[in-house]
Amino acid sequence: MHTELAPTAAPTRSPAKRTLHHIVRTGVVTVTGIIGFACVAWWAIAALAGLSLIVVTTGSMSPTIPTGAVVVARSVPASEIQTGQVVTVPRTGSVLPVTHRVVAVDDVPADREARSLTLRGDANATPDRAPYVVRDAQLTIASAPAVGSVLQALDSRPLHGLLVVVVGAVIIWTFWPPRRKPGAA
C-alpha cells in the first residue's frame, strides 16, 4: 500500500524573530547591490555620453574646484569652447593636463579646426604663460569636492587586492546557509 504524505509548508519566521545575522546580511546585499548598480550605471552613461572623470591635484581652481575634487567632463571640439568655461587640456612637457578657466579663444590660421586658448586658474592672478593650441578639450560639466581624493586613495594595488578579498568574503558569507539550531525544523 502506497500512501502519500501531504506537503508541509516550510516554517516561516515572523518579522519579530529576524536575527541580527539576517538583518546584517540584507543590509550588506543591499549596499553592495547599490554600489554595483551605481558603478555599472556610471560606466554605461559615461560610455554613451563620452564622459570622463578628472581628479584635480592642485589648488589653482580654488575655491570653485578645490584640490582633491573630481571633475566630470566630456570631450568637445575646440570650435565649441567659449570664454568663461572650465576645460582640461594637455600641457606641453607634462604628463598631467591642466584644468583652468578659458579667458580668451582665438582662431589658429593654419588649422580651421584648432583654437588657441588662453587659460587662467581661478586662484591665479594672471593667465597661464602660453596659450594652448587644441583641436578638442575636456569641457567641465560638474565637479565634486573631495571625491577625487577618495578615488586616488582607492587606486592602489594593495587596496585593490584587499577589496577583492573583502568582496569575495562578503559574497560567500551572504550566501552561506545559516546554521540550524538543534531540534529546529
Protein backbone atom coordinates (compact mmCIF):
# COMPACT_ATOMS: atom_id res chain seq x y z
CA MET A 1 0.00 0.00 0.00
CA HIS A 2 1.33 3.36 -1.01
CA THR A 3 0.38 6.46 0.88
CA GLU A 4 1.25 10.00 0.01
CA LEU A 5 2.10 12.49 2.63
CA ALA A 6 0.74 15.97 2.30
CA PRO A 7 3.48 18.51 1.69
CA THR A 8 4.33 20.56 4.71
CA ALA A 9 4.92 24.23 4.42
CA ALA A 10 8.36 25.50 5.31
CA PRO A 11 8.37 27.19 8.67
CA THR A 12 8.25 30.94 8.33
CA ARG A 13 9.78 33.42 10.67
CA SER A 14 7.78 36.32 11.87
CA PRO A 15 9.36 39.73 11.33
CA ALA A 16 9.95 39.98 15.06
CA LYS A 17 12.13 36.84 15.03
CA ARG A 18 14.56 38.02 12.38
CA THR A 19 18.06 37.53 13.55
CA LEU A 20 20.82 40.10 13.59
CA HIS A 21 22.59 37.91 11.03
CA HIS A 22 19.62 38.21 8.66
CA ILE A 23 19.39 41.98 9.11
CA VAL A 24 23.11 42.48 8.52
CA ARG A 25 23.05 40.10 5.54
CA THR A 26 20.18 42.01 3.95
CA GLY A 27 21.92 45.33 4.58
CA VAL A 28 25.20 44.12 3.09
CA VAL A 29 23.47 42.73 0.00
CA THR A 30 21.50 45.96 -0.44
CA VAL A 31 24.52 48.27 -0.06
CA THR A 32 26.69 46.07 -2.29
CA GLY A 33 23.94 45.97 -4.90
CA ILE A 34 23.52 49.74 -4.86
CA ILE A 35 27.28 50.30 -5.23
CA GLY A 36 27.48 47.74 -8.03
CA PHE A 37 24.49 49.25 -9.82
CA ALA A 38 25.96 52.75 -9.48
CA CYS A 39 29.28 51.59 -10.98
CA VAL A 40 27.59 49.86 -13.91
CA ALA A 41 25.25 52.84 -14.46
CA TRP A 42 28.20 55.29 -14.44
CA TRP A 43 30.11 53.09 -16.89
CA ALA A 44 27.12 52.92 -19.26
CA ILE A 45 26.33 56.63 -19.05
CA ALA A 46 30.00 57.57 -19.45
CA ALA A 47 30.36 55.30 -22.48
CA LEU A 48 27.20 56.59 -24.15
CA ALA A 49 27.75 60.28 -23.36
CA GLY A 50 31.55 60.33 -23.71
CA LEU A 51 32.11 61.41 -20.12
CA SER A 52 35.28 61.04 -18.08
CA LEU A 53 36.44 61.75 -14.54
CA ILE A 54 39.42 64.01 -13.91
CA VAL A 55 40.98 64.39 -10.47
CA VAL A 56 42.16 67.94 -9.67
CA THR A 57 45.55 67.77 -7.95
CA THR A 58 46.37 71.46 -7.44
CA GLY A 59 44.60 74.43 -5.91
CA SER A 60 44.77 76.68 -8.97
CA MET A 61 40.98 76.48 -9.47
CA SER A 62 40.08 77.07 -5.80
CA PRO A 63 37.59 77.83 -4.41
CA THR A 64 35.46 76.84 -7.44
CA ILE A 65 37.15 73.44 -7.84
CA PRO A 66 39.37 72.69 -4.80
CA THR A 67 42.33 70.32 -4.62
CA GLY A 68 41.09 66.73 -4.42
CA ALA A 69 37.88 67.39 -6.33
CA VAL A 70 36.76 65.27 -9.23
CA VAL A 71 35.57 66.87 -12.46
CA VAL A 72 33.04 65.24 -14.76
CA ALA A 73 33.97 66.26 -18.29
CA ARG A 74 33.06 65.48 -21.88
CA SER A 75 35.17 65.91 -24.98
CA VAL A 76 34.13 68.79 -27.25
CA PRO A 77 35.60 70.21 -30.46
CA ALA A 78 37.68 73.35 -29.93
CA SER A 79 35.20 75.31 -32.04
CA GLU A 80 32.56 74.88 -29.29
CA ILE A 81 34.72 76.25 -26.47
CA GLN A 82 33.68 79.64 -25.10
CA THR A 83 35.18 82.20 -22.76
CA GLY A 84 34.25 81.51 -19.13
CA GLN A 85 34.07 77.71 -19.46
CA VAL A 86 36.38 75.43 -17.49
CA VAL A 87 38.31 73.00 -19.68
CA THR A 88 41.01 70.37 -19.30
CA VAL A 89 43.70 70.33 -21.99
CA PRO A 90 47.10 68.64 -22.42
CA ARG A 91 50.04 70.57 -21.01
CA THR A 92 53.18 70.71 -23.16
CA GLY A 93 56.07 68.92 -21.47
CA SER A 94 53.91 67.29 -18.78
CA VAL A 95 52.05 64.04 -18.39
CA LEU A 96 49.32 65.75 -16.39
CA PRO A 97 46.80 68.01 -18.14
CA VAL A 98 45.72 71.43 -16.89
CA THR A 99 42.18 72.31 -15.80
CA HIS A 100 41.59 76.08 -15.96
CA ARG A 101 39.01 78.65 -16.99
CA VAL A 102 39.04 79.96 -20.58
CA VAL A 103 39.76 83.72 -20.68
CA ALA A 104 40.23 84.02 -24.46
CA VAL A 105 39.58 81.91 -27.57
CA ASP A 106 41.42 82.72 -30.80
CA ASP A 107 41.40 81.12 -34.24
CA VAL A 108 44.50 79.33 -35.49
CA PRO A 109 45.13 80.49 -39.09
CA ALA A 110 46.94 77.32 -40.15
CA ASP A 111 44.22 74.96 -38.79
CA ARG A 112 40.49 75.73 -39.09
CA GLU A 113 39.56 73.08 -36.50
CA ALA A 114 42.04 74.24 -33.85
CA ARG A 115 41.72 77.09 -31.36
CA SER A 116 44.30 78.91 -29.27
CA LEU A 117 43.02 79.01 -25.68
CA THR A 118 44.25 81.43 -23.06
CA LEU A 119 43.55 79.86 -19.67
CA ARG A 120 43.76 81.04 -16.08
CA GLY A 121 43.12 79.25 -12.80
CA ASP A 122 40.51 80.96 -10.64
CA ALA A 123 43.08 81.24 -7.81
CA ASN A 124 45.75 82.69 -10.12
CA ALA A 125 46.23 86.43 -10.63
CA THR A 126 47.46 86.10 -14.22
CA PRO A 127 46.75 83.82 -17.20
CA ASP A 128 48.95 80.81 -17.94
CA ARG A 129 52.29 81.70 -19.59
CA ALA A 130 51.44 80.45 -23.07
CA PRO A 131 48.18 79.70 -24.85
CA TYR A 132 47.16 76.10 -25.53
CA VAL A 133 46.51 75.20 -29.16
CA VAL A 134 43.95 72.38 -29.24
CA ARG A 135 41.55 70.70 -31.65
CA ASP A 136 39.39 69.42 -28.77
CA ALA A 137 39.22 69.71 -24.99
CA GLN A 138 37.51 68.18 -21.98
CA LEU A 139 34.68 70.54 -21.00
CA THR A 140 33.81 70.54 -17.29
CA ILE A 141 30.16 69.65 -16.71
CA ALA A 142 30.24 69.23 -12.93
CA SER A 143 32.66 68.83 -10.05
CA ALA A 144 32.52 67.28 -6.60
CA PRO A 145 34.93 68.29 -3.83
CA ALA A 146 36.96 65.55 -2.07
CA VAL A 147 35.68 62.75 -4.33
CA GLY A 148 38.91 62.81 -6.32
CA SER A 149 40.93 62.26 -3.14
CA VAL A 150 38.80 59.22 -2.34
CA LEU A 151 39.26 57.86 -5.88
CA GLN A 152 43.03 58.36 -5.66
CA ALA A 153 43.13 56.61 -2.28
CA LEU A 154 41.21 53.66 -3.75
CA ASP A 155 43.58 53.44 -6.72
CA SER A 156 46.37 51.30 -5.26
CA ARG A 157 47.27 47.67 -5.93
CA PRO A 158 47.26 46.60 -2.26
CA LEU A 159 43.84 48.16 -1.75
CA HIS A 160 42.50 46.55 -4.94
CA GLY A 161 43.67 43.15 -3.62
CA LEU A 162 42.11 43.82 -0.23
CA LEU A 163 38.81 44.89 -1.82
CA VAL A 164 38.71 41.70 -3.90
CA VAL A 165 39.24 39.59 -0.77
CA VAL A 166 36.66 41.56 1.26
CA VAL A 167 34.03 41.49 -1.50
CA GLY A 168 34.64 37.76 -2.03
CA ALA A 169 34.29 37.10 1.71
CA VAL A 170 31.09 39.15 1.88
CA ILE A 171 29.61 37.26 -1.08
CA ILE A 172 30.48 33.89 0.48
CA TRP A 173 29.18 34.99 3.88
CA THR A 174 25.97 36.37 2.35
CA PHE A 175 25.06 33.17 0.56
CA TRP A 176 26.39 30.70 3.15
CA PRO A 177 23.45 28.79 4.61
CA PRO A 178 22.68 29.75 8.20
CA ARG A 179 23.30 27.17 10.94
CA ARG A 180 20.21 25.47 12.15
CA LYS A 181 19.71 25.13 15.86
CA PRO A 182 19.48 21.53 17.07
CA GLY A 183 15.90 20.37 17.01
CA ALA A 184 14.78 23.22 14.72
CA ALA A 185 12.82 22.19 11.66
